[in-house]
Amino acid sequence: MRKLYFFSGLFSTLSVIILLVTGSPLLTIALDKNNEIPLGTFITWIGMISLPFTIYWGFKDLREPSSKFNGILSRFLKIILLLGILWVPISYVLSGNLSSTFSERTIFQGGQLAMRWFWWLSYGIGIGAILTLIVSWISLLFKEKKTVNH
């Protein structure tokens, strides 16, 4: 079952990355009659969830931590995953719409400060998941050196 979860997440992550990088026309398809809700919002949401999901299911030490350090990384990744799950609701609260558009308004919702928070959240999910992966890999190198030296 672990492999199914991992490969499903990996496929979803790679598909979303390809769609976003290529600027696929799928991203702009409207899901409502008023053309206010783009499919790209939900495609991106899938990516926000599937990236940390893939990392979680790809590394046993992040699912079942064998050390205190891996436990910290595991909790951090779970927080990133939770933020990925909550990305659309939080984005809606920040922008006031499901297309995540902002304006020059001085009020918070839909304004420039909310936009900065939106981008911090969006980049934070991806960067946080990737940093967790990199730190986990680096910790494996040190773990292997300890095993070889003793």
C-alpha atoms as a PDB file:
ATOM      1  CA  MET A   1       0.000   0.000   0.000  1.00  0.00           C
ATOM      2  CA  ARG A   2       2.926   2.326   0.766  1.00  0.00           C
ATOM      3  CA  LYS A   3       4.211   2.042  -2.803  1.00  0.00           C
ATOM      4  CA  LEU A   4       0.761   2.826  -4.190  1.00  0.00           C
ATOM      5  CA  TYR A   5       0.546   5.971  -2.053  1.00  0.00           C
ATOM      6  CA  PHE A   6       4.078   7.001  -2.967  1.00  0.00           C
ATOM      7  CA  PHE A   7       3.717   6.504  -6.724  1.00  0.00           C
ATOM      8  CA  SER A   8       0.248   8.101  -6.784  1.00  0.00           C
ATOM      9  CA  GLY A   9       1.651  11.133  -4.992  1.00  0.00           C
ATOM     10  CA  LEU A  10       4.710  11.238  -7.244  1.00  0.00           C
ATOM     11  CA  PHE A  11       2.566  11.041 -10.388  1.00  0.00           C
ATOM     12  CA  SER A  12       0.305  13.815  -9.087  1.00  0.00           C
ATOM     13  CA  THR A  13       3.250  16.015  -8.109  1.00  0.00           C
ATOM     14  CA  LEU A  14       5.018  15.609 -11.449  1.00  0.00           C
ATOM     15  CA  SER A  15       1.791  16.149 -13.403  1.00  0.00           C
ATOM     16  CA  VAL A  16       1.053  19.379 -11.539  1.00  0.00           C
ATOM     17  CA  ILE A  17       4.627  20.619 -11.986  1.00  0.00           C
ATOM     18  CA  ILE A  18       4.453  19.961 -15.738  1.00  0.00           C
ATOM     19  CA  LEU A  19       1.081  21.730 -16.043  1.00  0.00           C
ATOM     20  CA  LEU A  20       2.284  24.750 -14.057  1.00  0.00           C
ATOM     21  CA  VAL A  21       5.684  25.060 -15.756  1.00  0.00           C
ATOM     22  CA  THR A  22       4.223  24.782 -19.262  1.00  0.00           C
ATOM     23  CA  GLY A  23       1.384  27.201 -18.479  1.00  0.00           C
ATOM     24  CA  SER A  24      -1.140  24.668 -19.698  1.00  0.00           C
ATOM     25  CA  PRO A  25      -4.483  26.013 -20.968  1.00  0.00           C
ATOM     26  CA  LEU A  26      -6.121  23.607 -18.495  1.00  0.00           C
ATOM     27  CA  LEU A  27      -5.170  26.038 -15.725  1.00  0.00           C
ATOM     28  CA  THR A  28      -7.489  28.745 -17.047  1.00  0.00           C
ATOM     29  CA  ILE A  29     -10.584  26.629 -17.683  1.00  0.00           C
ATOM     30  CA  ALA A  30     -13.437  28.140 -15.679  1.00  0.00           C
ATOM     31  CA  LEU A  31     -15.339  25.832 -13.356  1.00  0.00           C
ATOM     32  CA  ASP A  32     -18.312  28.173 -12.931  1.00  0.00           C
ATOM     33  CA  LYS A  33     -20.593  30.198 -15.197  1.00  0.00           C
ATOM     34  CA  ASN A  34     -19.122  33.532 -14.036  1.00  0.00           C
ATOM     35  CA  ASN A  35     -15.564  32.502 -15.028  1.00  0.00           C
ATOM     36  CA  GLU A  36     -14.371  33.236 -11.488  1.00  0.00           C
ATOM     37  CA  ILE A  37     -13.038  29.840 -10.421  1.00  0.00           C
ATOM     38  CA  PRO A  38     -10.167  28.524 -12.569  1.00  0.00           C
ATOM     39  CA  LEU A  39      -9.293  24.846 -12.712  1.00  0.00           C
ATOM     40  CA  GLY A  40      -5.707  25.934 -12.011  1.00  0.00           C
ATOM     41  CA  THR A  41      -6.607  26.667  -8.393  1.00  0.00           C
ATOM     42  CA  PHE A  42      -7.542  23.046  -7.801  1.00  0.00           C
ATOM     43  CA  ILE A  43      -4.685  21.675  -9.900  1.00  0.00           C
ATOM     44  CA  THR A  44      -2.258  23.726  -7.797  1.00  0.00           C
ATOM     45  CA  TRP A  45      -4.021  22.537  -4.638  1.00  0.00           C
ATOM     46  CA  ILE A  46      -3.397  18.934  -5.672  1.00  0.00           C
ATOM     47  CA  GLY A  47       0.298  19.800  -6.013  1.00  0.00           C
ATOM     48  CA  MET A  48       0.368  21.524  -2.623  1.00  0.00           C
ATOM     49  CA  ILE A  49      -0.922  18.314  -1.057  1.00  0.00           C
ATOM     50  CA  SER A  50       0.869  15.727  -3.198  1.00  0.00           C
ATOM     51  CA  LEU A  51       4.437  17.049  -2.779  1.00  0.00           C
ATOM     52  CA  PRO A  52       4.622  16.614   1.023  1.00  0.00           C
ATOM     53  CA  PHE A  53       2.439  13.477   0.711  1.00  0.00           C
ATOM     54  CA  THR A  54       4.974  11.920  -1.682  1.00  0.00           C
ATOM     55  CA  ILE A  55       7.905  12.773   0.579  1.00  0.00           C
ATOM     56  CA  TYR A  56       6.059  11.359   3.600  1.00  0.00           C
ATOM     57  CA  TRP A  57       5.337   8.039   1.894  1.00  0.00           C
ATOM     58  CA  GLY A  58       8.761   7.891   0.246  1.00  0.00           C
ATOM     59  CA  PHE A  59      10.801   7.940   3.463  1.00  0.00           C
ATOM     60  CA  LYS A  60      10.167   5.465   6.251  1.00  0.00           C
ATOM     61  CA  ASP A  61      12.086   7.627   8.758  1.00  0.00           C
ATOM     62  CA  LEU A  62       9.566  10.409   8.168  1.00  0.00           C
ATOM     63  CA  ARG A  63       6.603   8.054   8.706  1.00  0.00           C
ATOM     64  CA  GLU A  64       8.117   6.095  11.586  1.00  0.00           C
ATOM     65  CA  PRO A  65      10.929   8.249  13.031  1.00  0.00           C
ATOM     66  CA  SER A  66      13.860   6.265  14.417  1.00  0.00           C
ATOM     67  CA  SER A  67      15.457   9.253  16.149  1.00  0.00           C
ATOM     68  CA  LYS A  68      14.462  12.479  17.852  1.00  0.00           C
ATOM     69  CA  PHE A  69      15.775  14.474  14.884  1.00  0.00           C
ATOM     70  CA  ASN A  70      13.686  12.460  12.413  1.00  0.00           C
ATOM     71  CA  GLY A  71      10.710  12.952  14.724  1.00  0.00           C
ATOM     72  CA  ILE A  72      11.160  16.720  14.402  1.00  0.00           C
ATOM     73  CA  LEU A  73      11.404  16.429  10.609  1.00  0.00           C
ATOM     74  CA  SER A  74       8.321  14.200  10.567  1.00  0.00           C
ATOM     75  CA  ARG A  75       6.276  16.702  12.579  1.00  0.00           C
ATOM     76  CA  PHE A  76       7.476  19.554  10.373  1.00  0.00           C
ATOM     77  CA  LEU A  77       6.457  17.634   7.229  1.00  0.00           C
ATOM     78  CA  LYS A  78       3.035  16.894   8.740  1.00  0.00           C
ATOM     79  CA  ILE A  79       2.565  20.624   9.397  1.00  0.00           C
ATOM     80  CA  ILE A  80       3.546  21.324   5.771  1.00  0.00           C
ATOM     81  CA  LEU A  81       1.046  18.675   4.620  1.00  0.00           C
ATOM     82  CA  LEU A  82      -1.671  20.241   6.780  1.00  0.00           C
ATOM     83  CA  LEU A  83      -0.899  23.674   5.289  1.00  0.00           C
ATOM     84  CA  GLY A  84      -1.143  22.077   1.827  1.00  0.00           C
ATOM     85  CA  ILE A  85      -4.566  20.659   2.677  1.00  0.00           C
ATOM     86  CA  LEU A  86      -5.693  24.047   3.997  1.00  0.00           C
ATOM     87  CA  TRP A  87      -4.147  25.999   1.097  1.00  0.00           C
ATOM     88  CA  VAL A  88      -7.416  26.751  -0.754  1.00  0.00           C
ATOM     89  CA  PRO A  89      -9.407  27.756   2.357  1.00  0.00           C
ATOM     90  CA  ILE A  90      -6.551  29.973   3.587  1.00  0.00           C
ATOM     91  CA  SER A  91      -6.095  31.439   0.100  1.00  0.00           C
ATOM     92  CA  TYR A  92      -9.805  32.197  -0.055  1.00  0.00           C
ATOM     93  CA  VAL A  93      -9.677  33.990   3.289  1.00  0.00           C
ATOM     94  CA  LEU A  94      -6.658  36.001   2.118  1.00  0.00           C
ATOM     95  CA  SER A  95      -7.922  36.930  -1.358  1.00  0.00           C
ATOM     96  CA  GLY A  96     -11.693  36.839  -0.939  1.00  0.00           C
ATOM     97  CA  ASN A  97     -12.057  34.703  -4.084  1.00  0.00           C
ATOM     98  CA  LEU A  98     -11.131  31.270  -5.420  1.00  0.00           C
ATOM     99  CA  SER A  99      -8.948  32.599  -8.217  1.00  0.00           C
ATOM    100  CA  SER A 100      -6.464  34.039  -5.682  1.00  0.00           C
ATOM    101  CA  THR A 101      -6.455  37.486  -7.266  1.00  0.00           C
ATOM    102  CA  PHE A 102      -5.429  40.541  -5.275  1.00  0.00           C
ATOM    103  CA  SER A 103      -5.697  44.286  -5.817  1.00  0.00           C
ATOM    104  CA  GLU A 104      -4.191  47.542  -4.587  1.00  0.00           C
ATOM    105  CA  ARG A 105      -6.845  47.907  -1.876  1.00  0.00           C
ATOM    106  CA  THR A 106      -5.771  49.115   1.551  1.00  0.00           C
ATOM    107  CA  ILE A 107      -7.977  46.642   3.421  1.00  0.00           C
ATOM    108  CA  PHE A 108      -6.409  43.312   4.363  1.00  0.00           C
ATOM    109  CA  GLN A 109      -8.543  40.792   2.435  1.00  0.00           C
ATOM    110  CA  GLY A 110      -7.622  40.990  -1.224  1.00  0.00           C
ATOM    111  CA  GLY A 111      -4.993  43.663  -0.551  1.00  0.00           C
ATOM    112  CA  GLN A 112      -1.231  43.758  -0.851  1.00  0.00           C
ATOM    113  CA  LEU A 113      -0.439  42.487   2.654  1.00  0.00           C
ATOM    114  CA  ALA A 114      -2.750  39.503   2.140  1.00  0.00           C
ATOM    115  CA  MET A 115      -1.045  38.879  -1.197  1.00  0.00           C
ATOM    116  CA  ARG A 116       2.359  38.728   0.503  1.00  0.00           C
ATOM    117  CA  TRP A 117       0.966  36.268   3.048  1.00  0.00           C
ATOM    118  CA  PHE A 118      -0.484  34.191   0.181  1.00  0.00           C
ATOM    119  CA  TRP A 119       2.890  33.998  -1.579  1.00  0.00           C
ATOM    120  CA  TRP A 120       4.730  33.176   1.670  1.00  0.00           C
ATOM    121  CA  LEU A 121       2.235  30.353   2.256  1.00  0.00           C
ATOM    122  CA  SER A 122       2.425  29.068  -1.319  1.00  0.00           C
ATOM    123  CA  TYR A 123       6.217  29.121  -1.567  1.00  0.00           C
ATOM    124  CA  GLY A 124       6.563  27.968   2.039  1.00  0.00           C
ATOM    125  CA  ILE A 125       4.693  24.729   1.380  1.00  0.00           C
ATOM    126  CA  GLY A 126       6.901  23.763  -1.569  1.00  0.00           C
ATOM    127  CA  ILE A 127      10.172  24.982  -0.095  1.00  0.00           C
ATOM    128  CA  GLY A 128       9.382  23.513   3.334  1.00  0.00           C
ATOM    129  CA  ALA A 129       8.664  20.086   1.838  1.00  0.00           C
ATOM    130  CA  ILE A 130      11.819  20.133  -0.305  1.00  0.00           C
ATOM    131  CA  LEU A 131      13.995  21.356   2.587  1.00  0.00           C
ATOM    132  CA  THR A 132      12.636  18.545   4.760  1.00  0.00           C
ATOM    133  CA  LEU A 133      13.614  16.088   2.034  1.00  0.00           C
ATOM    134  CA  ILE A 134      17.124  17.563   1.682  1.00  0.00           C
ATOM    135  CA  VAL A 135      17.742  17.667   5.447  1.00  0.00           C
ATOM    136  CA  SER A 136      16.517  14.069   5.703  1.00  0.00           C
ATOM    137  CA  TRP A 137      18.969  13.009   2.972  1.00  0.00           C
ATOM    138  CA  ILE A 138      21.836  14.854   4.660  1.00  0.00           C
ATOM    139  CA  SER A 139      21.006  13.205   7.989  1.00  0.00           C
ATOM    140  CA  LEU A 140      21.192   9.813   6.242  1.00  0.00           C
ATOM    141  CA  LEU A 141      24.760  10.620   5.139  1.00  0.00           C
ATOM    142  CA  PHE A 142      25.790  11.344   8.724  1.00  0.00           C
ATOM    143  CA  LYS A 143      23.941   8.261   9.947  1.00  0.00           C
ATOM    144  CA  GLU A 144      25.828   6.096   7.417  1.00  0.00           C
ATOM    145  CA  LYS A 145      29.174   7.639   8.436  1.00  0.00           C
ATOM    146  CA  LYS A 146      28.472   6.807  12.093  1.00  0.00           C
ATOM    147  CA  THR A 147      27.632   3.235  11.140  1.00  0.00           C
ATOM    148  CA  VAL A 148      30.788   2.875   9.017  1.00  0.00           C
ATOM    149  CA  ASN A 149      33.094   4.404  11.669  1.00  0.00           C
ATOM    150  CA  HIS A 150      31.877   2.195  14.520  1.00  0.00           C
END
